[in-house]
Amino acid sequence: MSVSKQEAAKAYWKENLRLMLTLLVIWFVVSFGCGILFVEQLNAIKFFGFPLGFWFAQQGSIYAFVVMIFVYVWKMNQLDRKYDVHED
């Protein structure tokens, strides 16, 4: 039984939204959680001579965001191929 194009498009966007939501939650936890909410606990740990909470607030959330951009591109390329909507 063949899956209709409409069902495939719906499944594609559902997976796309799940991926985006997952990455946004991770970014929120890293930037807001580690940089603001848990900063006192993380500051007890040193990272390259700086308190870890300070590092997350100043650098870590930016690095996490850049890494998540690459993860998003990689996962979306996989998703595009899975649903045959990729560009050559």
PDB file of N, CA and C in Angstrom:
ATOM      1  N   MET A   1       0.843  -1.166   0.000  1.00  0.00           N
ATOM      2  CA  MET A   1       0.000   0.000   0.000  1.00  0.00           C
ATOM      3  C   MET A   1       0.900   1.245   0.000  1.00  0.00           C
ATOM      4  N   SER A   2       0.622   2.161  -0.883  1.00  0.00           N
ATOM      5  CA  SER A   2       1.421   3.363  -1.049  1.00  0.00           C
ATOM      6  C   SER A   2       0.918   4.486  -0.138  1.00  0.00           C
ATOM      7  N   VAL A   3       1.861   5.213   0.392  1.00  0.00           N
ATOM      8  CA  VAL A   3       1.519   6.354   1.231  1.00  0.00           C
ATOM      9  C   VAL A   3       1.269   7.551   0.323  1.00  0.00           C
ATOM     10  N   SER A   4       0.162   8.258   0.556  1.00  0.00           N
ATOM     11  CA  SER A   4      -0.147   9.401  -0.291  1.00  0.00           C
ATOM     12  C   SER A   4       0.831  10.537  -0.025  1.00  0.00           C
ATOM     13  N   LYS A   5       0.918  11.451  -0.986  1.00  0.00           N
ATOM     14  CA  LYS A   5       1.832  12.595  -0.845  1.00  0.00           C
ATOM     15  C   LYS A   5       1.424  13.472   0.330  1.00  0.00           C
ATOM     16  N   GLN A   6       0.138  13.588   0.549  1.00  0.00           N
ATOM     17  CA  GLN A   6      -0.342  14.412   1.656  1.00  0.00           C
ATOM     18  C   GLN A   6       0.058  13.803   3.003  1.00  0.00           C
ATOM     19  N   GLU A   7      -0.057  12.503   3.135  1.00  0.00           N
ATOM     20  CA  GLU A   7       0.350  11.829   4.376  1.00  0.00           C
ATOM     21  C   GLU A   7       1.862  11.921   4.573  1.00  0.00           C
ATOM     22  N   ALA A   8       2.613  11.793   3.482  1.00  0.00           N
ATOM     23  CA  ALA A   8       4.069  11.908   3.563  1.00  0.00           C
ATOM     24  C   ALA A   8       4.474  13.322   3.974  1.00  0.00           C
ATOM     25  N   ALA A   9       3.798  14.327   3.419  1.00  0.00           N
ATOM     26  CA  ALA A   9       4.107  15.711   3.783  1.00  0.00           C
ATOM     27  C   ALA A   9       3.780  15.973   5.243  1.00  0.00           C
ATOM     28  N   LYS A  10       2.689  15.419   5.711  1.00  0.00           N
ATOM     29  CA  LYS A  10       2.295  15.579   7.115  1.00  0.00           C
ATOM     30  C   LYS A  10       3.317  14.921   8.037  1.00  0.00           C
ATOM     31  N   ALA A  11       3.767  13.735   7.685  1.00  0.00           N
ATOM     32  CA  ALA A  11       4.769  13.025   8.491  1.00  0.00           C
ATOM     33  C   ALA A  11       6.103  13.768   8.464  1.00  0.00           C
ATOM     34  N   TYR A  12       6.461  14.322   7.297  1.00  0.00           N
ATOM     35  CA  TYR A  12       7.698  15.088   7.160  1.00  0.00           C
ATOM     36  C   TYR A  12       7.688  16.290   8.107  1.00  0.00           C
ATOM     37  N   TRP A  13       6.618  17.058   8.090  1.00  0.00           N
ATOM     38  CA  TRP A  13       6.551  18.251   8.937  1.00  0.00           C
ATOM     39  C   TRP A  13       6.449  17.898  10.409  1.00  0.00           C
ATOM     40  N   LYS A  14       5.820  16.779  10.704  1.00  0.00           N
ATOM     41  CA  LYS A  14       5.748  16.342  12.099  1.00  0.00           C
ATOM     42  C   LYS A  14       7.156  16.031  12.626  1.00  0.00           C
ATOM     43  N   GLU A  15       7.945  15.310  11.832  1.00  0.00           N
ATOM     44  CA  GLU A  15       9.321  15.012  12.242  1.00  0.00           C
ATOM     45  C   GLU A  15      10.180  16.275  12.289  1.00  0.00           C
ATOM     46  N   ASN A  16       9.959  17.177  11.337  1.00  0.00           N
ATOM     47  CA  ASN A  16      10.692  18.435  11.307  1.00  0.00           C
ATOM     48  C   ASN A  16      10.398  19.255  12.565  1.00  0.00           C
ATOM     49  N   LEU A  17       9.150  19.382  12.931  1.00  0.00           N
ATOM     50  CA  LEU A  17       8.772  20.132  14.127  1.00  0.00           C
ATOM     51  C   LEU A  17       9.305  19.479  15.394  1.00  0.00           C
ATOM     52  N   ARG A  18       9.301  18.152  15.440  1.00  0.00           N
ATOM     53  CA  ARG A  18       9.844  17.450  16.607  1.00  0.00           C
ATOM     54  C   ARG A  18      11.337  17.732  16.754  1.00  0.00           C
ATOM     55  N   LEU A  19      12.057  17.729  15.639  1.00  0.00           N
ATOM     56  CA  LEU A  19      13.484  18.037  15.664  1.00  0.00           C
ATOM     57  C   LEU A  19      13.728  19.473  16.132  1.00  0.00           C
ATOM     58  N   MET A  20      12.970  20.423  15.573  1.00  0.00           N
ATOM     59  CA  MET A  20      13.139  21.819  15.973  1.00  0.00           C
ATOM     60  C   MET A  20      12.810  22.022  17.448  1.00  0.00           C
ATOM     61  N   LEU A  21      11.751  21.407  17.918  1.00  0.00           N
ATOM     62  CA  LEU A  21      11.378  21.538  19.326  1.00  0.00           C
ATOM     63  C   LEU A  21      12.454  20.951  20.234  1.00  0.00           C
ATOM     64  N   THR A  22      12.994  19.807  19.869  1.00  0.00           N
ATOM     65  CA  THR A  22      14.062  19.183  20.648  1.00  0.00           C
ATOM     66  C   THR A  22      15.282  20.095  20.727  1.00  0.00           C
ATOM     67  N   LEU A  23      15.684  20.648  19.590  1.00  0.00           N
ATOM     68  CA  LEU A  23      16.848  21.535  19.577  1.00  0.00           C
ATOM     69  C   LEU A  23      16.593  22.822  20.351  1.00  0.00           C
ATOM     70  N   LEU A  24      15.384  23.351  20.266  1.00  0.00           N
ATOM     71  CA  LEU A  24      15.064  24.556  21.024  1.00  0.00           C
ATOM     72  C   LEU A  24      15.073  24.305  22.531  1.00  0.00           C
ATOM     73  N   VAL A  25      14.592  23.145  22.944  1.00  0.00           N
ATOM     74  CA  VAL A  25      14.626  22.796  24.367  1.00  0.00           C
ATOM     75  C   VAL A  25      16.070  22.663  24.843  1.00  0.00           C
ATOM     76  N   ILE A  26      16.905  22.020  24.044  1.00  0.00           N
ATOM     77  CA  ILE A  26      18.329  21.889  24.409  1.00  0.00           C
ATOM     78  C   ILE A  26      18.964  23.265  24.510  1.00  0.00           C
ATOM     79  N   TRP A  27      18.691  24.135  23.542  1.00  0.00           N
ATOM     80  CA  TRP A  27      19.261  25.484  23.566  1.00  0.00           C
ATOM     81  C   TRP A  27      18.787  26.253  24.795  1.00  0.00           C
ATOM     82  N   PHE A  28      17.505  26.117  25.138  1.00  0.00           N
ATOM     83  CA  PHE A  28      16.967  26.785  26.317  1.00  0.00           C
ATOM     84  C   PHE A  28      17.656  26.301  27.583  1.00  0.00           C
ATOM     85  N   VAL A  29      17.809  24.986  27.704  1.00  0.00           N
ATOM     86  CA  VAL A  29      18.458  24.426  28.890  1.00  0.00           C
ATOM     87  C   VAL A  29      19.899  24.909  28.997  1.00  0.00           C
ATOM     88  N   VAL A  30      20.613  24.908  27.874  1.00  0.00           N
ATOM     89  CA  VAL A  30      22.015  25.337  27.894  1.00  0.00           C
ATOM     90  C   VAL A  30      22.126  26.830  28.190  1.00  0.00           C
ATOM     91  N   SER A  31      21.359  27.649  27.483  1.00  0.00           N
ATOM     92  CA  SER A  31      21.515  29.098  27.639  1.00  0.00           C
ATOM     93  C   SER A  31      20.859  29.616  28.906  1.00  0.00           C
ATOM     94  N   PHE A  32      19.608  29.315  29.130  1.00  0.00           N
ATOM     95  CA  PHE A  32      18.889  29.840  30.287  1.00  0.00           C
ATOM     96  C   PHE A  32      19.181  29.024  31.541  1.00  0.00           C
ATOM     97  N   GLY A  33      19.128  27.708  31.395  1.00  0.00           N
ATOM     98  CA  GLY A  33      19.355  26.847  32.558  1.00  0.00           C
ATOM     99  C   GLY A  33      20.773  26.924  33.080  1.00  0.00           C
ATOM    100  N   CYS A  34      21.742  26.647  32.215  1.00  0.00           N
ATOM    101  CA  CYS A  34      23.145  26.624  32.655  1.00  0.00           C
ATOM    102  C   CYS A  34      23.704  28.021  32.851  1.00  0.00           C
ATOM    103  N   GLY A  35      23.226  29.005  32.093  1.00  0.00           N
ATOM    104  CA  GLY A  35      23.763  30.352  32.189  1.00  0.00           C
ATOM    105  C   GLY A  35      23.100  31.218  33.235  1.00  0.00           C
ATOM    106  N   ILE A  36      21.877  30.857  33.677  1.00  0.00           N
ATOM    107  CA  ILE A  36      21.153  31.699  34.628  1.00  0.00           C
ATOM    108  C   ILE A  36      20.659  30.901  35.837  1.00  0.00           C
ATOM    109  N   LEU A  37      19.881  29.851  35.587  1.00  0.00           N
ATOM    110  CA  LEU A  37      19.246  29.133  36.699  1.00  0.00           C
ATOM    111  C   LEU A  37      20.226  28.340  37.553  1.00  0.00           C
ATOM    112  N   PHE A  38      21.138  27.641  36.930  1.00  0.00           N
ATOM    113  CA  PHE A  38      22.056  26.759  37.670  1.00  0.00           C
ATOM    114  C   PHE A  38      23.464  27.342  37.771  1.00  0.00           C
ATOM    115  N   VAL A  39      23.582  28.655  37.590  1.00  0.00           N
ATOM    116  CA  VAL A  39      24.905  29.266  37.538  1.00  0.00           C
ATOM    117  C   VAL A  39      25.666  29.106  38.853  1.00  0.00           C
ATOM    118  N   GLU A  40      25.006  29.213  39.974  1.00  0.00           N
ATOM    119  CA  GLU A  40      25.701  29.098  41.270  1.00  0.00           C
ATOM    120  C   GLU A  40      26.288  27.705  41.458  1.00  0.00           C
ATOM    121  N   GLN A  41      25.523  26.680  41.122  1.00  0.00           N
ATOM    122  CA  GLN A  41      26.013  25.308  41.254  1.00  0.00           C
ATOM    123  C   GLN A  41      27.152  25.050  40.271  1.00  0.00           C
ATOM    124  N   LEU A  42      27.022  25.554  39.055  1.00  0.00           N
ATOM    125  CA  LEU A  42      28.048  25.327  38.037  1.00  0.00           C
ATOM    126  C   LEU A  42      29.316  26.125  38.308  1.00  0.00           C
ATOM    127  N   ASN A  43      29.198  27.241  39.008  1.00  0.00           N
ATOM    128  CA  ASN A  43      30.377  28.059  39.297  1.00  0.00           C
ATOM    129  C   ASN A  43      31.347  27.361  40.248  1.00  0.00           C
ATOM    130  N   ALA A  44      30.905  26.314  40.905  1.00  0.00           N
ATOM    131  CA  ALA A  44      31.799  25.541  41.777  1.00  0.00           C
ATOM    132  C   ALA A  44      32.800  24.736  40.947  1.00  0.00           C
ATOM    133  N   ILE A  45      32.519  24.578  39.643  1.00  0.00           N
ATOM    134  CA  ILE A  45      33.383  23.827  38.736  1.00  0.00           C
ATOM    135  C   ILE A  45      34.155  24.820  37.886  1.00  0.00           C
ATOM    136  N   LYS A  46      35.446  24.608  37.738  1.00  0.00           N
ATOM    137  CA  LYS A  46      36.282  25.473  36.902  1.00  0.00           C
ATOM    138  C   LYS A  46      36.454  24.851  35.521  1.00  0.00           C
ATOM    139  N   PHE A  47      36.398  25.682  34.489  1.00  0.00           N
ATOM    140  CA  PHE A  47      36.579  25.257  33.106  1.00  0.00           C
ATOM    141  C   PHE A  47      37.541  26.237  32.453  1.00  0.00           C
ATOM    142  N   PHE A  48      38.729  25.777  32.119  1.00  0.00           N
ATOM    143  CA  PHE A  48      39.792  26.632  31.587  1.00  0.00           C
ATOM    144  C   PHE A  48      40.048  27.840  32.488  1.00  0.00           C
ATOM    145  N   GLY A  49      39.951  27.618  33.787  1.00  0.00           N
ATOM    146  CA  GLY A  49      40.231  28.666  34.756  1.00  0.00           C
ATOM    147  C   GLY A  49      39.061  29.582  35.073  1.00  0.00           C
ATOM    148  N   PHE A  50      37.932  29.383  34.414  1.00  0.00           N
ATOM    149  CA  PHE A  50      36.755  30.213  34.649  1.00  0.00           C
ATOM    150  C   PHE A  50      35.666  29.385  35.316  1.00  0.00           C
ATOM    151  N   PRO A  51      34.814  30.005  36.119  1.00  0.00           N
ATOM    152  CA  PRO A  51      33.669  29.274  36.671  1.00  0.00           C
ATOM    153  C   PRO A  51      32.780  28.770  35.526  1.00  0.00           C
ATOM    154  N   LEU A  52      32.334  27.532  35.621  1.00  0.00           N
ATOM    155  CA  LEU A  52      31.569  26.914  34.529  1.00  0.00           C
ATOM    156  C   LEU A  52      30.278  27.666  34.230  1.00  0.00           C
ATOM    157  N   GLY A  53      29.589  28.149  35.258  1.00  0.00           N
ATOM    158  CA  GLY A  53      28.361  28.913  35.027  1.00  0.00           C
ATOM    159  C   GLY A  53      28.624  30.176  34.234  1.00  0.00           C
ATOM    160  N   PHE A  54      29.700  30.883  34.566  1.00  0.00           N
ATOM    161  CA  PHE A  54      30.088  32.072  33.816  1.00  0.00           C
ATOM    162  C   PHE A  54      30.423  31.703  32.381  1.00  0.00           C
ATOM    163  N   TRP A  55      31.146  30.600  32.197  1.00  0.00           N
ATOM    164  CA  TRP A  55      31.522  30.167  30.852  1.00  0.00           C
ATOM    165  C   TRP A  55      30.284  29.878  30.009  1.00  0.00           C
ATOM    166  N   PHE A  56      29.296  29.167  30.598  1.00  0.00           N
ATOM    167  CA  PHE A  56      28.063  28.888  29.846  1.00  0.00           C
ATOM    168  C   PHE A  56      27.341  30.175  29.478  1.00  0.00           C
ATOM    169  N   ALA A  57      27.296  31.119  30.395  1.00  0.00           N
ATOM    170  CA  ALA A  57      26.600  32.371  30.116  1.00  0.00           C
ATOM    171  C   ALA A  57      27.296  33.164  29.015  1.00  0.00           C
ATOM    172  N   GLN A  58      28.620  33.118  28.969  1.00  0.00           N
ATOM    173  CA  GLN A  58      29.366  33.938  28.020  1.00  0.00           C
ATOM    174  C   GLN A  58      29.705  33.209  26.726  1.00  0.00           C
ATOM    175  N   GLN A  59      30.040  31.938  26.790  1.00  0.00           N
ATOM    176  CA  GLN A  59      30.541  31.215  25.622  1.00  0.00           C
ATOM    177  C   GLN A  59      29.733  29.964  25.279  1.00  0.00           C
ATOM    178  N   GLY A  60      29.408  29.206  26.292  1.00  0.00           N
ATOM    179  CA  GLY A  60      28.829  27.881  26.078  1.00  0.00           C
ATOM    180  C   GLY A  60      27.545  27.883  25.285  1.00  0.00           C
ATOM    181  N   SER A  61      26.652  28.829  25.570  1.00  0.00           N
ATOM    182  CA  SER A  61      25.390  28.849  24.841  1.00  0.00           C
ATOM    183  C   SER A  61      25.610  29.198  23.364  1.00  0.00           C
ATOM    184  N   ILE A  62      26.606  30.010  23.079  1.00  0.00           N
ATOM    185  CA  ILE A  62      26.910  30.339  21.683  1.00  0.00           C
ATOM    186  C   ILE A  62      27.466  29.107  20.961  1.00  0.00           C
ATOM    187  N   TYR A  63      28.404  28.415  21.606  1.00  0.00           N
ATOM    188  CA  TYR A  63      28.950  27.196  21.006  1.00  0.00           C
ATOM    189  C   TYR A  63      27.857  26.147  20.805  1.00  0.00           C
ATOM    190  N   ALA A  64      27.003  25.998  21.805  1.00  0.00           N
ATOM    191  CA  ALA A  64      25.907  25.026  21.691  1.00  0.00           C
ATOM    192  C   ALA A  64      25.000  25.380  20.517  1.00  0.00           C
ATOM    193  N   PHE A  65      24.705  26.666  20.337  1.00  0.00           N
ATOM    194  CA  PHE A  65      23.854  27.097  19.235  1.00  0.00           C
ATOM    195  C   PHE A  65      24.496  26.778  17.886  1.00  0.00           C
ATOM    196  N   VAL A  66      25.770  27.044  17.735  1.00  0.00           N
ATOM    197  CA  VAL A  66      26.464  26.762  16.471  1.00  0.00           C
ATOM    198  C   VAL A  66      26.470  25.260  16.186  1.00  0.00           C
ATOM    199  N   VAL A  67      26.743  24.449  17.200  1.00  0.00           N
ATOM    200  CA  VAL A  67      26.716  22.996  17.032  1.00  0.00           C
ATOM    201  C   VAL A  67      25.313  22.538  16.632  1.00  0.00           C
ATOM    202  N   MET A  68      24.292  23.121  17.245  1.00  0.00           N
ATOM    203  CA  MET A  68      22.915  22.727  16.922  1.00  0.00           C
ATOM    204  C   MET A  68      22.530  23.109  15.496  1.00  0.00           C
ATOM    205  N   ILE A  69      23.123  24.171  14.955  1.00  0.00           N
ATOM    206  CA  ILE A  69      22.874  24.518  13.550  1.00  0.00           C
ATOM    207  C   ILE A  69      23.377  23.387  12.649  1.00  0.00           C
ATOM    208  N   PHE A  70      24.587  22.904  12.923  1.00  0.00           N
ATOM    209  CA  PHE A  70      25.136  21.807  12.123  1.00  0.00           C
ATOM    210  C   PHE A  70      24.331  20.521  12.309  1.00  0.00           C
ATOM    211  N   VAL A  71      23.900  20.247  13.526  1.00  0.00           N
ATOM    212  CA  VAL A  71      23.071  19.062  13.781  1.00  0.00           C
ATOM    213  C   VAL A  71      21.757  19.181  13.023  1.00  0.00           C
ATOM    214  N   TYR A  72      21.146  20.364  13.040  1.00  0.00           N
ATOM    215  CA  TYR A  72      19.884  20.568  12.332  1.00  0.00           C
ATOM    216  C   TYR A  72      20.052  20.332  10.825  1.00  0.00           C
ATOM    217  N   VAL A  73      21.113  20.873  10.248  1.00  0.00           N
ATOM    218  CA  VAL A  73      21.357  20.678   8.813  1.00  0.00           C
ATOM    219  C   VAL A  73      21.550  19.203   8.500  1.00  0.00           C
ATOM    220  N   TRP A  74      22.354  18.527   9.312  1.00  0.00           N
ATOM    221  CA  TRP A  74      22.623  17.105   9.096  1.00  0.00           C
ATOM    222  C   TRP A  74      21.335  16.280   9.203  1.00  0.00           C
ATOM    223  N   LYS A  75      20.547  16.522  10.265  1.00  0.00           N
ATOM    224  CA  LYS A  75      19.305  15.761  10.456  1.00  0.00           C
ATOM    225  C   LYS A  75      18.268  16.096   9.380  1.00  0.00           C
ATOM    226  N   MET A  76      18.205  17.355   8.951  1.00  0.00           N
ATOM    227  CA  MET A  76      17.244  17.712   7.910  1.00  0.00           C
ATOM    228  C   MET A  76      17.624  17.095   6.569  1.00  0.00           C
ATOM    229  N   ASN A  77      18.914  16.989   6.279  1.00  0.00           N
ATOM    230  CA  ASN A  77      19.326  16.300   5.052  1.00  0.00           C
ATOM    231  C   ASN A  77      18.893  14.842   5.092  1.00  0.00           C
ATOM    232  N   GLN A  78      19.032  14.204   6.250  1.00  0.00           N
ATOM    233  CA  GLN A  78      18.562  12.816   6.396  1.00  0.00           C
ATOM    234  C   GLN A  78      17.053  12.742   6.202  1.00  0.00           C
ATOM    235  N   LEU A  79      16.333  13.674   6.811  1.00  0.00           N
ATOM    236  CA  LEU A  79      14.879  13.693   6.712  1.00  0.00           C
ATOM    237  C   LEU A  79      14.432  13.956   5.272  1.00  0.00           C
ATOM    238  N   ASP A  80      15.109  14.870   4.588  1.00  0.00           N
ATOM    239  CA  ASP A  80      14.776  15.152   3.189  1.00  0.00           C
ATOM    240  C   ASP A  80      14.956  13.915   2.318  1.00  0.00           C
ATOM    241  N   ARG A  81      16.014  13.178   2.555  1.00  0.00           N
ATOM    242  CA  ARG A  81      16.241  11.960   1.771  1.00  0.00           C
ATOM    243  C   ARG A  81      15.201  10.885   2.118  1.00  0.00           C
ATOM    244  N   LYS A  82      14.845  10.796   3.375  1.00  0.00           N
ATOM    245  CA  LYS A  82      13.863   9.807   3.809  1.00  0.00           C
ATOM    246  C   LYS A  82      12.519  10.031   3.093  1.00  0.00           C
ATOM    247  N   TYR A  83      12.120  11.288   2.948  1.00  0.00           N
ATOM    248  CA  TYR A  83      10.843  11.608   2.313  1.00  0.00           C
ATOM    249  C   TYR A  83      11.001  12.027   0.858  1.00  0.00           C
ATOM    250  N   ASP A  84      12.185  11.851   0.314  1.00  0.00           N
ATOM    251  CA  ASP A  84      12.467  12.108  -1.105  1.00  0.00           C
ATOM    252  C   ASP A  84      12.100  13.542  -1.504  1.00  0.00           C
ATOM    253  N   VAL A  85      12.526  14.497  -0.698  1.00  0.00           N
ATOM    254  CA  VAL A  85      12.329  15.908  -1.028  1.00  0.00           C
ATOM    255  C   VAL A  85      13.662  16.642  -1.058  1.00  0.00           C
ATOM    256  N   HIS A  86      14.743  15.879  -1.155  1.00  0.00           N
ATOM    257  CA  HIS A  86      16.077  16.476  -1.128  1.00  0.00           C
ATOM    258  C   HIS A  86      16.414  17.115  -2.478  1.00  0.00           C
ATOM    259  N   GLU A  87      17.371  18.043  -2.405  1.00  0.00           N
ATOM    260  CA  GLU A  87      17.874  18.688  -3.612  1.00  0.00           C
ATOM    261  C   GLU A  87      19.196  18.025  -3.997  1.00  0.00           C
ATOM    262  N   ASP A  88      19.413  17.903  -5.286  1.00  0.00           N
ATOM    263  CA  ASP A  88      20.658  17.289  -5.747  1.00  0.00           C
ATOM    264  C   ASP A  88      21.735  18.301  -5.930  1.00  0.00           C
TER     265      ASP A  88
END
